[in-house]
C-alpha atoms as a PDB file:
ATOM      1  CA  UNK A   1      -0.452  -0.099   0.066  1.00  0.00           C
ATOM      2  CA  UNK A   2       2.861   2.837   0.691  1.00  0.00           C
ATOM      3  CA  UNK A   3       4.544   1.551  -2.581  1.00  0.00           C
ATOM      4  CA  UNK A   4       1.578   2.248  -4.058  1.00  0.00           C
ATOM      5  CA  UNK A   5       0.392   6.067  -2.489  1.00  0.00           C
ATOM      6  CA  UNK A   6       4.267   6.276  -3.332  1.00  0.00           C
ATOM      7  CA  UNK A   7       3.838   6.222  -6.783  1.00  0.00           C
ATOM      8  CA  UNK A   8       0.428   7.746  -7.075  1.00  0.00           C
ATOM      9  CA  UNK A   9       2.050  10.369  -5.300  1.00  0.00           C
ATOM     10  CA  UNK A  10       5.089  10.293  -7.928  1.00  0.00           C
ATOM     11  CA  UNK A  11       2.904  10.807 -10.508  1.00  0.00           C
ATOM     12  CA  UNK A  12       1.407  13.397  -9.250  1.00  0.00           C
ATOM     13  CA  UNK A  13       3.954  15.448  -8.592  1.00  0.00           C
ATOM     14  CA  UNK A  14       6.095  14.578 -11.598  1.00  0.00           C
ATOM     15  CA  UNK A  15       6.725  18.119 -13.134  1.00  0.00           C
ATOM     16  CA  UNK A  16       8.825  19.278  -8.988  1.00  0.00           C
ATOM     17  CA  UNK A  17      11.060  16.304  -9.570  1.00  0.00           C
ATOM     18  CA  UNK A  18      11.268  17.592 -14.025  1.00  0.00           C
ATOM     19  CA  UNK A  19      12.163  20.877 -12.179  1.00  0.00           C
ATOM     20  CA  UNK A  20      14.693  19.563  -9.291  1.00  0.00           C
ATOM     21  CA  UNK A  21      16.949  17.330 -11.932  1.00  0.00           C
ATOM     22  CA  UNK A  22      17.074  20.388 -14.333  1.00  0.00           C
ATOM     23  CA  UNK A  23      18.232  22.620 -11.279  1.00  0.00           C
ATOM     24  CA  UNK A  24      20.176  20.723 -10.049  1.00  0.00           C
ATOM     25  CA  UNK A  25      21.669  19.819 -13.642  1.00  0.00           C
ATOM     26  CA  UNK A  26      22.426  23.894 -14.155  1.00  0.00           C
ATOM     27  CA  UNK A  27      24.673  23.500 -11.226  1.00  0.00           C
ATOM     28  CA  UNK A  28      27.542  24.635 -13.479  1.00  0.00           C
ATOM     29  CA  UNK A  29      26.337  27.687 -14.940  1.00  0.00           C
ATOM     30  CA  UNK A  30      27.990  30.691 -13.250  1.00  0.00           C
ATOM     31  CA  UNK A  31      24.590  32.295 -10.918  1.00  0.00           C
ATOM     32  CA  UNK A  32      22.412  30.755 -11.554  1.00  0.00           C
ATOM     33  CA  UNK A  33      22.006  29.776  -7.893  1.00  0.00           C
ATOM     34  CA  UNK A  34      22.040  33.429  -7.654  1.00  0.00           C
ATOM     35  CA  UNK A  35      18.854  35.137  -5.706  1.00  0.00           C
ATOM     36  CA  UNK A  36      18.427  37.727  -8.484  1.00  0.00           C
ATOM     37  CA  UNK A  37      17.866  34.711 -11.544  1.00  0.00           C
ATOM     38  CA  UNK A  38      15.987  32.456  -9.367  1.00  0.00           C
ATOM     39  CA  UNK A  39      13.799  36.007  -9.095  1.00  0.00           C
ATOM     40  CA  UNK A  40      13.843  36.150 -12.783  1.00  0.00           C
ATOM     41  CA  UNK A  41      12.257  32.951 -13.501  1.00  0.00           C
ATOM     42  CA  UNK A  42       9.399  33.408 -11.621  1.00  0.00           C
ATOM     43  CA  UNK A  43       9.268  37.207 -12.725  1.00  0.00           C
ATOM     44  CA  UNK A  44       9.178  35.769 -16.383  1.00  0.00           C
ATOM     45  CA  UNK A  45       6.498  32.716 -15.204  1.00  0.00           C
ATOM     46  CA  UNK A  46       3.781  35.547 -13.557  1.00  0.00           C
ATOM     47  CA  UNK A  47       2.411  36.612 -17.317  1.00  0.00           C
ATOM     48  CA  UNK A  48       2.528  33.153 -18.934  1.00  0.00           C
ATOM     49  CA  UNK A  49       1.101  31.918 -15.344  1.00  0.00           C
ATOM     50  CA  UNK A  50      -1.796  33.328 -15.343  1.00  0.00           C
ATOM     51  CA  UNK A  51      -2.431  32.359 -18.817  1.00  0.00           C
ATOM     52  CA  UNK A  52      -2.254  28.894 -17.885  1.00  0.00           C
ATOM     53  CA  UNK A  53      -4.175  28.790 -14.686  1.00  0.00           C
ATOM     54  CA  UNK A  54      -7.158  29.802 -17.177  1.00  0.00           C
ATOM     55  CA  UNK A  55      -6.179  27.743 -19.400  1.00  0.00           C
ATOM     56  CA  UNK A  56      -6.024  24.561 -16.260  1.00  0.00           C
ATOM     57  CA  UNK A  57      -9.863  25.465 -15.526  1.00  0.00           C
ATOM     58  CA  UNK A  58     -11.283  24.943 -18.571  1.00  0.00           C
ATOM     59  CA  UNK A  59      -8.700  21.348 -19.368  1.00  0.00           C
ATOM     60  CA  UNK A  60     -10.427  20.409 -16.404  1.00  0.00           C
ATOM     61  CA  UNK A  61     -13.701  20.694 -17.405  1.00  0.00           C
ATOM     62  CA  UNK A  62     -12.388  18.877 -21.510  1.00  0.00           C
ATOM     63  CA  UNK A  63     -12.253  22.176 -23.356  1.00  0.00           C
ATOM     64  CA  UNK A  64      -9.553  24.038 -24.528  1.00  0.00           C
ATOM     65  CA  UNK A  65      -9.231  27.367 -24.831  1.00  0.00           C
ATOM     66  CA  UNK A  66      -7.058  28.854 -27.612  1.00  0.00           C
ATOM     67  CA  UNK A  67      -8.075  32.584 -26.944  1.00  0.00           C
ATOM     68  CA  UNK A  68      -6.030  33.022 -24.300  1.00  0.00           C
ATOM     69  CA  UNK A  69      -3.019  34.748 -25.498  1.00  0.00           C
ATOM     70  CA  UNK A  70      -5.650  36.745 -28.144  1.00  0.00           C
ATOM     71  CA  UNK A  71      -7.393  38.237 -24.754  1.00  0.00           C
ATOM     72  CA  UNK A  72      -3.698  38.727 -23.175  1.00  0.00           C
ATOM     73  CA  UNK A  73      -2.836  41.056 -26.107  1.00  0.00           C
ATOM     74  CA  UNK A  74      -6.375  42.457 -26.285  1.00  0.00           C
ATOM     75  CA  UNK A  75      -7.786  43.368 -23.275  1.00  0.00           C
ATOM     76  CA  UNK A  76      -4.615  45.497 -22.206  1.00  0.00           C
ATOM     77  CA  UNK A  77      -4.771  46.639 -25.303  1.00  0.00           C
ATOM     78  CA  UNK A  78      -8.180  47.596 -25.631  1.00  0.00           C
ATOM     79  CA  UNK A  79      -8.390  49.140 -22.259  1.00  0.00           C
ATOM     80  CA  UNK A  80      -5.201  51.078 -22.860  1.00  0.00           C
ATOM     81  CA  UNK A  81      -6.727  53.135 -25.595  1.00  0.00           C
ATOM     82  CA  UNK A  82      -9.808  53.965 -24.018  1.00  0.00           C
ATOM     83  CA  UNK A  83      -7.219  55.458 -21.170  1.00  0.00           C
ATOM     84  CA  UNK A  84      -5.125  57.385 -24.559  1.00  0.00           C
ATOM     85  CA  UNK A  85      -6.847  58.369 -26.962  1.00  0.00           C
ATOM     86  CA  UNK A  86     -10.531  57.475 -27.252  1.00  0.00           C
ATOM     87  CA  UNK A  87     -12.202  58.508 -23.818  1.00  0.00           C
ATOM     88  CA  UNK A  88      -8.573  59.592 -21.273  1.00  0.00           C
ATOM     89  CA  UNK A  89     -10.026  57.514 -18.467  1.00  0.00           C
ATOM     90  CA  UNK A  90      -7.826  57.129 -15.228  1.00  0.00           C
ATOM     91  CA  UNK A  91      -5.374  54.808 -15.044  1.00  0.00           C
ATOM     92  CA  UNK A  92      -7.278  52.261 -12.382  1.00  0.00           C
ATOM     93  CA  UNK A  93     -10.562  52.226 -14.228  1.00  0.00           C
ATOM     94  CA  UNK A  94      -8.243  51.340 -17.207  1.00  0.00           C
ATOM     95  CA  UNK A  95      -6.781  48.638 -15.375  1.00  0.00           C
ATOM     96  CA  UNK A  96     -10.467  47.325 -14.458  1.00  0.00           C
ATOM     97  CA  UNK A  97     -11.343  47.530 -17.827  1.00  0.00           C
ATOM     98  CA  UNK A  98      -9.256  45.123 -18.874  1.00  0.00           C
ATOM     99  CA  UNK A  99     -10.431  42.877 -16.581  1.00  0.00           C
ATOM    100  CA  UNK A 100     -13.636  43.206 -17.696  1.00  0.00           C
ATOM    101  CA  UNK A 101     -12.484  42.778 -20.814  1.00  0.00           C
ATOM    102  CA  UNK A 102     -11.473  39.257 -20.371  1.00  0.00           C
ATOM    103  CA  UNK A 103     -14.816  38.341 -18.094  1.00  0.00           C
ATOM    104  CA  UNK A 104     -16.719  39.006 -21.266  1.00  0.00           C
ATOM    105  CA  UNK A 105     -14.336  37.657 -23.830  1.00  0.00           C
ATOM    106  CA  UNK A 106     -14.979  34.276 -21.342  1.00  0.00           C
ATOM    107  CA  UNK A 107     -18.213  34.664 -20.503  1.00  0.00           C
ATOM    108  CA  UNK A 108     -19.119  35.254 -24.568  1.00  0.00           C
ATOM    109  CA  UNK A 109     -16.831  31.581 -25.132  1.00  0.00           C
ATOM    110  CA  UNK A 110     -18.452  29.626 -22.518  1.00  0.00           C
ATOM    111  CA  UNK A 111     -22.048  31.112 -23.412  1.00  0.00           C
ATOM    112  CA  UNK A 112     -21.305  30.067 -27.419  1.00  0.00           C
ATOM    113  CA  UNK A 113     -19.820  27.079 -26.653  1.00  0.00           C
ATOM    114  CA  UNK A 114     -22.127  25.210 -23.989  1.00  0.00           C
ATOM    115  CA  UNK A 115     -25.445  26.856 -24.953  1.00  0.00           C
ATOM    116  CA  UNK A 116     -25.057  26.101 -28.567  1.00  0.00           C
ATOM    117  CA  UNK A 117     -23.418  22.965 -28.603  1.00  0.00           C
ATOM    118  CA  UNK A 118     -20.066  25.141 -30.673  1.00  0.00           C
ATOM    119  CA  UNK A 119     -16.799  22.674 -30.289  1.00  0.00           C
ATOM    120  CA  UNK A 120     -14.428  24.742 -27.888  1.00  0.00           C
ATOM    121  CA  UNK A 121     -11.423  23.966 -29.722  1.00  0.00           C
ATOM    122  CA  UNK A 122     -12.949  25.963 -32.677  1.00  0.00           C
ATOM    123  CA  UNK A 123     -14.738  28.488 -31.427  1.00  0.00           C
ATOM    124  CA  UNK A 124     -11.604  29.923 -29.700  1.00  0.00           C
ATOM    125  CA  UNK A 125      -9.712  29.259 -32.513  1.00  0.00           C
ATOM    126  CA  UNK A 126     -12.225  31.776 -34.234  1.00  0.00           C
ATOM    127  CA  UNK A 127     -12.152  33.843 -30.993  1.00  0.00           C
ATOM    128  CA  UNK A 128      -7.880  33.557 -31.159  1.00  0.00           C
ATOM    129  CA  UNK A 129      -8.343  35.166 -35.154  1.00  0.00           C
ATOM    130  CA  UNK A 130     -10.768  37.817 -34.388  1.00  0.00           C
ATOM    131  CA  UNK A 131      -9.497  39.268 -31.226  1.00  0.00           C
ATOM    132  CA  UNK A 132      -5.409  39.471 -32.471  1.00  0.00           C
ATOM    133  CA  UNK A 133      -6.643  41.264 -35.925  1.00  0.00           C
ATOM    134  CA  UNK A 134      -8.437  43.598 -33.718  1.00  0.00           C
ATOM    135  CA  UNK A 135      -5.442  44.325 -31.640  1.00  0.00           C
ATOM    136  CA  UNK A 136      -3.323  44.664 -35.144  1.00  0.00           C
ATOM    137  CA  UNK A 137      -5.777  46.442 -36.727  1.00  0.00           C
ATOM    138  CA  UNK A 138      -6.509  49.256 -33.387  1.00  0.00           C
ATOM    139  CA  UNK A 139      -2.349  49.346 -33.041  1.00  0.00           C
ATOM    140  CA  UNK A 140      -0.646  49.239 -35.862  1.00  0.00           C
ATOM    141  CA  UNK A 141       2.695  49.837 -33.727  1.00  0.00           C
ATOM    142  CA  UNK A 142       2.442  49.775 -30.277  1.00  0.00           C
ATOM    143  CA  UNK A 143       1.891  52.054 -27.241  1.00  0.00           C
ATOM    144  CA  UNK A 144       4.366  53.295 -25.156  1.00  0.00           C
ATOM    145  CA  UNK A 145       5.155  55.050 -22.337  1.00  0.00           C
ATOM    146  CA  UNK A 146       1.997  53.901 -20.248  1.00  0.00           C
ATOM    147  CA  UNK A 147       1.233  55.621 -17.059  1.00  0.00           C
ATOM    148  CA  UNK A 148       2.511  54.244 -13.512  1.00  0.00           C
ATOM    149  CA  UNK A 149      -1.293  53.443 -12.609  1.00  0.00           C
ATOM    150  CA  UNK A 150      -2.153  51.558 -15.056  1.00  0.00           C
ATOM    151  CA  UNK A 151       1.298  49.487 -15.324  1.00  0.00           C
ATOM    152  CA  UNK A 152       2.212  48.742 -10.863  1.00  0.00           C
ATOM    153  CA  UNK A 153       0.576  45.466 -11.483  1.00  0.00           C
ATOM    154  CA  UNK A 154       3.587  44.198 -13.840  1.00  0.00           C
ATOM    155  CA  UNK A 155       6.237  46.938 -13.128  1.00  0.00           C
ATOM    156  CA  UNK A 156       6.495  48.133  -9.447  1.00  0.00           C
ATOM    157  CA  UNK A 157       7.665  46.053  -6.157  1.00  0.00           C
ATOM    158  CA  UNK A 158       6.840  45.224  -3.200  1.00  0.00           C
ATOM    159  CA  UNK A 159       7.395  47.549  -0.238  1.00  0.00           C
ATOM    160  CA  UNK A 160      11.316  48.896  -1.953  1.00  0.00           C
ATOM    161  CA  UNK A 161      12.752  45.384  -1.758  1.00  0.00           C
ATOM    162  CA  UNK A 162      13.881  43.584  -5.370  1.00  0.00           C
ATOM    163  CA  UNK A 163      11.047  41.463  -5.123  1.00  0.00           C
ATOM    164  CA  UNK A 164       8.513  42.468  -7.836  1.00  0.00           C
ATOM    165  CA  UNK A 165       4.801  42.962  -6.960  1.00  0.00           C
ATOM    166  CA  UNK A 166       4.266  40.549  -9.903  1.00  0.00           C
ATOM    167  CA  UNK A 167       5.883  37.783  -8.825  1.00  0.00           C
ATOM    168  CA  UNK A 168       3.557  38.279  -5.548  1.00  0.00           C
ATOM    169  CA  UNK A 169       0.433  38.292  -7.195  1.00  0.00           C
ATOM    170  CA  UNK A 170       1.038  34.846  -9.344  1.00  0.00           C
ATOM    171  CA  UNK A 171       1.840  33.171  -6.736  1.00  0.00           C
ATOM    172  CA  UNK A 172      -1.003  33.774  -4.041  1.00  0.00           C
ATOM    173  CA  UNK A 173      -3.296  34.262  -7.118  1.00  0.00           C
ATOM    174  CA  UNK A 174      -1.825  29.821  -7.582  1.00  0.00           C
ATOM    175  CA  UNK A 175      -2.686  29.338  -3.793  1.00  0.00           C
ATOM    176  CA  UNK A 176      -6.428  30.342  -3.545  1.00  0.00           C
ATOM    177  CA  UNK A 177      -7.339  28.974  -6.662  1.00  0.00           C
ATOM    178  CA  UNK A 178      -5.620  25.511  -5.175  1.00  0.00           C
ATOM    179  CA  UNK A 179      -7.546  26.109  -2.032  1.00  0.00           C
ATOM    180  CA  UNK A 180     -10.827  26.907  -3.139  1.00  0.00           C
ATOM    181  CA  UNK A 181     -10.399  23.687  -6.027  1.00  0.00           C
ATOM    182  CA  UNK A 182      -9.468  21.549  -2.400  1.00  0.00           C
ATOM    183  CA  UNK A 183     -12.319  22.994   0.072  1.00  0.00           C
ATOM    184  CA  UNK A 184     -14.747  24.432  -1.829  1.00  0.00           C
ATOM    185  CA  UNK A 185     -17.533  22.319  -4.106  1.00  0.00           C
ATOM    186  CA  UNK A 186     -16.808  24.165  -7.199  1.00  0.00           C
ATOM    187  CA  UNK A 187     -13.528  22.493  -7.344  1.00  0.00           C
ATOM    188  CA  UNK A 188     -15.200  19.007  -7.007  1.00  0.00           C
ATOM    189  CA  UNK A 189     -18.110  20.174  -9.508  1.00  0.00           C
ATOM    190  CA  UNK A 190     -14.984  21.214 -12.106  1.00  0.00           C
ATOM    191  CA  UNK A 191     -13.745  17.603 -11.746  1.00  0.00           C
ATOM    192  CA  UNK A 192     -16.509  15.868 -11.584  1.00  0.00           C
ATOM    193  CA  UNK A 193     -17.690  17.538 -14.710  1.00  0.00           C
ATOM    194  CA  UNK A 194     -14.453  17.291 -16.554  1.00  0.00           C
ATOM    195  CA  UNK A 195     -14.210  12.846 -15.578  1.00  0.00           C
ATOM    196  CA  UNK A 196     -17.929  12.472 -16.712  1.00  0.00           C
ATOM    197  CA  UNK A 197     -20.145  15.001 -17.712  1.00  0.00           C
ATOM    198  CA  UNK A 198     -23.391  12.995 -18.092  1.00  0.00           C
ATOM    199  CA  UNK A 199     -23.114  11.343 -14.615  1.00  0.00           C
ATOM    200  CA  UNK A 200     -22.342  14.649 -13.151  1.00  0.00           C
ATOM    201  CA  UNK A 201     -25.157  16.372 -14.176  1.00  0.00           C
ATOM    202  CA  UNK A 202     -27.001  13.188 -12.658  1.00  0.00           C
ATOM    203  CA  UNK A 203     -25.353  13.725  -9.775  1.00  0.00           C
ATOM    204  CA  UNK A 204     -27.385  16.894  -9.664  1.00  0.00           C
ATOM    205  CA  UNK A 205     -23.890  19.386 -11.359  1.00  0.00           C
ATOM    206  CA  UNK A 206     -25.169  22.041 -12.910  1.00  0.00           C
ATOM    207  CA  UNK A 207     -22.273  21.257 -16.020  1.00  0.00           C
ATOM    208  CA  UNK A 208     -23.367  24.148 -18.284  1.00  0.00           C
ATOM    209  CA  UNK A 209     -22.922  26.595 -14.913  1.00  0.00           C
ATOM    210  CA  UNK A 210     -19.585  25.471 -14.471  1.00  0.00           C
ATOM    211  CA  UNK A 211     -18.200  24.881 -17.938  1.00  0.00           C
ATOM    212  CA  UNK A 212     -19.115  28.776 -18.300  1.00  0.00           C
ATOM    213  CA  UNK A 213     -17.474  29.524 -15.304  1.00  0.00           C
ATOM    214  CA  UNK A 214     -14.206  28.031 -16.733  1.00  0.00           C
ATOM    215  CA  UNK A 215     -14.078  29.726 -19.577  1.00  0.00           C
ATOM    216  CA  UNK A 216     -14.641  33.000 -17.879  1.00  0.00           C
ATOM    217  CA  UNK A 217     -11.989  32.121 -15.120  1.00  0.00           C
ATOM    218  CA  UNK A 218      -9.636  32.250 -18.260  1.00  0.00           C
ATOM    219  CA  UNK A 219     -10.679  35.336 -19.697  1.00  0.00           C
ATOM    220  CA  UNK A 220     -10.267  36.812 -16.527  1.00  0.00           C
ATOM    221  CA  UNK A 221      -6.645  35.564 -16.122  1.00  0.00           C
ATOM    222  CA  UNK A 222      -5.149  35.766 -19.434  1.00  0.00           C
ATOM    223  CA  UNK A 223      -6.505  39.874 -19.174  1.00  0.00           C
ATOM    224  CA  UNK A 224      -4.875  39.925 -15.351  1.00  0.00           C
ATOM    225  CA  UNK A 225      -1.883  38.122 -17.635  1.00  0.00           C
ATOM    226  CA  UNK A 226      -1.820  40.683 -19.734  1.00  0.00           C
ATOM    227  CA  UNK A 227      -1.823  43.717 -17.346  1.00  0.00           C
ATOM    228  CA  UNK A 228       1.544  41.646 -15.726  1.00  0.00           C
ATOM    229  CA  UNK A 229       3.137  42.062 -19.764  1.00  0.00           C
ATOM    230  CA  UNK A 230       1.542  45.725 -20.466  1.00  0.00           C
ATOM    231  CA  UNK A 231       3.077  46.348 -16.798  1.00  0.00           C
ATOM    232  CA  UNK A 232       6.525  44.297 -17.386  1.00  0.00           C
ATOM    233  CA  UNK A 233       7.278  46.235 -20.438  1.00  0.00           C
ATOM    234  CA  UNK A 234       5.877  49.572 -19.839  1.00  0.00           C
ATOM    235  CA  UNK A 235       3.461  49.489 -23.210  1.00  0.00           C
ATOM    236  CA  UNK A 236       1.398  47.574 -24.954  1.00  0.00           C
ATOM    237  CA  UNK A 237       2.257  45.619 -28.418  1.00  0.00           C
ATOM    238  CA  UNK A 238       0.315  43.938 -30.967  1.00  0.00           C
ATOM    239  CA  UNK A 239       2.494  40.990 -30.666  1.00  0.00           C
ATOM    240  CA  UNK A 240       1.635  40.331 -26.997  1.00  0.00           C
ATOM    241  CA  UNK A 241       1.601  36.604 -26.036  1.00  0.00           C
ATOM    242  CA  UNK A 242       2.198  36.092 -29.459  1.00  0.00           C
ATOM    243  CA  UNK A 243       2.203  31.636 -30.070  1.00  0.00           C
ATOM    244  CA  UNK A 244       2.707  31.493 -26.491  1.00  0.00           C
ATOM    245  CA  UNK A 245      -0.480  28.639 -26.076  1.00  0.00           C
ATOM    246  CA  UNK A 246       1.584  26.474 -26.543  1.00  0.00           C
ATOM    247  CA  UNK A 247       4.005  27.215 -24.360  1.00  0.00           C
ATOM    248  CA  UNK A 248       0.363  27.280 -21.807  1.00  0.00           C
ATOM    249  CA  UNK A 249      -0.581  24.456 -22.584  1.00  0.00           C
ATOM    250  CA  UNK A 250       2.834  22.833 -22.568  1.00  0.00           C
ATOM    251  CA  UNK A 251       2.931  24.298 -19.225  1.00  0.00           C
ATOM    252  CA  UNK A 252      -0.435  22.637 -17.788  1.00  0.00           C
ATOM    253  CA  UNK A 253       0.206  19.563 -19.609  1.00  0.00           C
ATOM    254  CA  UNK A 254       3.703  18.729 -18.331  1.00  0.00           C
ATOM    255  CA  UNK A 255       2.066  19.681 -14.377  1.00  0.00           C
ATOM    256  CA  UNK A 256      -0.395  17.096 -14.274  1.00  0.00           C
ATOM    257  CA  UNK A 257      -3.160  18.352 -16.319  1.00  0.00           C
ATOM    258  CA  UNK A 258      -4.923  15.974 -18.538  1.00  0.00           C
ATOM    259  CA  UNK A 259      -6.045  16.915 -21.715  1.00  0.00           C
ATOM    260  CA  UNK A 260      -8.694  14.905 -21.608  1.00  0.00           C
ATOM    261  CA  UNK A 261     -10.356  16.421 -18.425  1.00  0.00           C
ATOM    262  CA  UNK A 262     -11.112  15.590 -14.877  1.00  0.00           C
ATOM    263  CA  UNK A 263      -7.905  15.581 -13.583  1.00  0.00           C
ATOM    264  CA  UNK A 264      -4.526  17.784 -12.713  1.00  0.00           C
ATOM    265  CA  UNK A 265      -4.077  20.167 -10.066  1.00  0.00           C
ATOM    266  CA  UNK A 266      -3.072  23.432 -10.047  1.00  0.00           C
ATOM    267  CA  UNK A 267       0.080  23.304  -7.940  1.00  0.00           C
ATOM    268  CA  UNK A 268       0.847  20.699 -10.607  1.00  0.00           C
ATOM    269  CA  UNK A 269       0.701  23.682 -13.364  1.00  0.00           C
ATOM    270  CA  UNK A 270       2.359  26.611 -11.240  1.00  0.00           C
ATOM    271  CA  UNK A 271       5.225  23.777 -11.688  1.00  0.00           C
ATOM    272  CA  UNK A 272       4.598  24.188 -15.160  1.00  0.00           C
ATOM    273  CA  UNK A 273       4.981  27.345 -15.857  1.00  0.00           C
ATOM    274  CA  UNK A 274       8.057  27.591 -13.577  1.00  0.00           C
ATOM    275  CA  UNK A 275       9.588  24.891 -15.273  1.00  0.00           C
ATOM    276  CA  UNK A 276       9.015  26.219 -18.600  1.00  0.00           C
ATOM    277  CA  UNK A 277      10.241  29.834 -17.832  1.00  0.00           C
ATOM    278  CA  UNK A 278      13.368  27.985 -16.440  1.00  0.00           C
ATOM    279  CA  UNK A 279      14.574  25.522 -19.447  1.00  0.00           C
ATOM    280  CA  UNK A 280      14.352  29.023 -21.205  1.00  0.00           C
ATOM    281  CA  UNK A 281      16.690  30.653 -18.709  1.00  0.00           C
ATOM    282  CA  UNK A 282      18.994  28.101 -18.271  1.00  0.00           C
ATOM    283  CA  UNK A 283      19.123  27.070 -22.583  1.00  0.00           C
ATOM    284  CA  UNK A 284      19.817  31.284 -22.489  1.00  0.00           C
ATOM    285  CA  UNK A 285      21.946  31.163 -20.196  1.00  0.00           C
ATOM    286  CA  UNK A 286      24.056  28.257 -21.691  1.00  0.00           C
ATOM    287  CA  UNK A 287      24.118  30.480 -24.656  1.00  0.00           C
ATOM    288  CA  UNK A 288      21.606  28.621 -27.268  1.00  0.00           C
ATOM    289  CA  UNK A 289      19.519  30.508 -29.806  1.00  0.00           C
ATOM    290  CA  UNK A 290      16.709  31.673 -29.141  1.00  0.00           C
ATOM    291  CA  UNK A 291      15.328  30.368 -32.062  1.00  0.00           C
ATOM    292  CA  UNK A 292      16.761  26.624 -30.647  1.00  0.00           C
ATOM    293  CA  UNK A 293      14.963  27.536 -27.106  1.00  0.00           C
ATOM    294  CA  UNK A 294      11.787  27.489 -29.110  1.00  0.00           C
ATOM    295  CA  UNK A 295      12.911  24.026 -30.675  1.00  0.00           C
ATOM    296  CA  UNK A 296      12.334  23.152 -27.081  1.00  0.00           C
ATOM    297  CA  UNK A 297       9.149  24.634 -25.876  1.00  0.00           C
ATOM    298  CA  UNK A 298       8.228  22.570 -29.040  1.00  0.00           C
ATOM    299  CA  UNK A 299       9.101  18.905 -28.277  1.00  0.00           C
ATOM    300  CA  UNK A 300       8.312  20.137 -24.438  1.00  0.00           C
ATOM    301  CA  UNK A 301       5.144  20.139 -25.699  1.00  0.00           C
ATOM    302  CA  UNK A 302       4.822  16.833 -28.062  1.00  0.00           C
ATOM    303  CA  UNK A 303       7.073  15.377 -24.359  1.00  0.00           C
ATOM    304  CA  UNK A 304       3.763  16.545 -22.433  1.00  0.00           C
ATOM    305  CA  UNK A 305       0.919  15.402 -25.010  1.00  0.00           C
ATOM    306  CA  UNK A 306       2.669  11.679 -25.237  1.00  0.00           C
ATOM    307  CA  UNK A 307       3.200  12.338 -21.152  1.00  0.00           C
ATOM    308  CA  UNK A 308      -0.173  12.945 -20.727  1.00  0.00           C
ATOM    309  CA  UNK A 309      -1.242   9.569 -22.270  1.00  0.00           C
ATOM    310  CA  UNK A 310       1.396   7.473 -21.323  1.00  0.00           C
ATOM    311  CA  UNK A 311       0.401   8.534 -17.329  1.00  0.00           C
ATOM    312  CA  UNK A 312      -3.463   7.500 -17.842  1.00  0.00           C
ATOM    313  CA  UNK A 313      -2.104   3.513 -18.024  1.00  0.00           C
ATOM    314  CA  UNK A 314       0.201   3.992 -15.335  1.00  0.00           C
ATOM    315  CA  UNK A 315      -2.407   5.094 -12.665  1.00  0.00           C
ATOM    316  CA  UNK A 316      -4.753   2.275 -14.176  1.00  0.00           C
ATOM    317  CA  UNK A 317      -1.584  -0.020 -13.574  1.00  0.00           C
ATOM    318  CA  UNK A 318      -0.349   1.382 -10.115  1.00  0.00           C
ATOM    319  CA  UNK A 319      -4.539   0.989  -9.242  1.00  0.00           C
ATOM    320  CA  UNK A 320      -4.863  -2.541 -10.280  1.00  0.00           C
ATOM    321  CA  UNK A 321      -1.518  -3.762  -8.463  1.00  0.00           C
ATOM    322  CA  UNK A 322      -3.444  -2.904  -5.063  1.00  0.00           C
END
């Protein structure tokens, strides 16, 4: 029984084992173990981490949200336009408007896919194309020099220290999500819906509501990720988040979230995000070309998909040995 529990624990937390192996393998890199470098790894995880967490909620109910990267760019970009060109709203109102845009996009994706029975993959792919096109149209060259009142979430530090506010928020949001998933009915309903939607419905779960909320969370968190990035670079550009959906998906799946729905943890996904950021950091410090970094990330996505398939079989094999 102890061996079985240990095997299941290792399988559920395999991403943290990979992260430890990566850190040990990078021990020969000068300054890798500096506080500054570890801080950079976490800071680089923040924006993509929000998209990944949003994707996790959708994956848990058995859906994909391919529009996360476009929402990540669209929400802050439109809010900035309202702030500097269209309506001269104050920066804090633009921050709130960014989040509202994320909620609206997520609610639209959820309602259309659930109530009209539209395939979520195709719907969010269309939304990805539409939103990216709108960003390209309205912000052809980017908007720079944004005020501190808009960039503080991603660009400020905590109480004069070297710790970025975005890092604190990144950790806090993941821990809150983990607490909710473990201690509230919503978390159990997400898992139940993704495991078997019909069975969950028969036990009294409002599966339509659960799936719509999952998409709303995905849109909202992607918008927050966009705020983090806009704060970090002090601007909004039409290339923000471009191509990030594959890295986001790899982070979630490597973190133990099943693409088939119903399995996965928030903390595992957090480990996946940090692992992907650490991989980029290590390869850059080793002097790899940025193009090869993309190759490695693509390879990791393939490995994550293969691992997701193998993990299901390993679970069954371990359980049968009980």
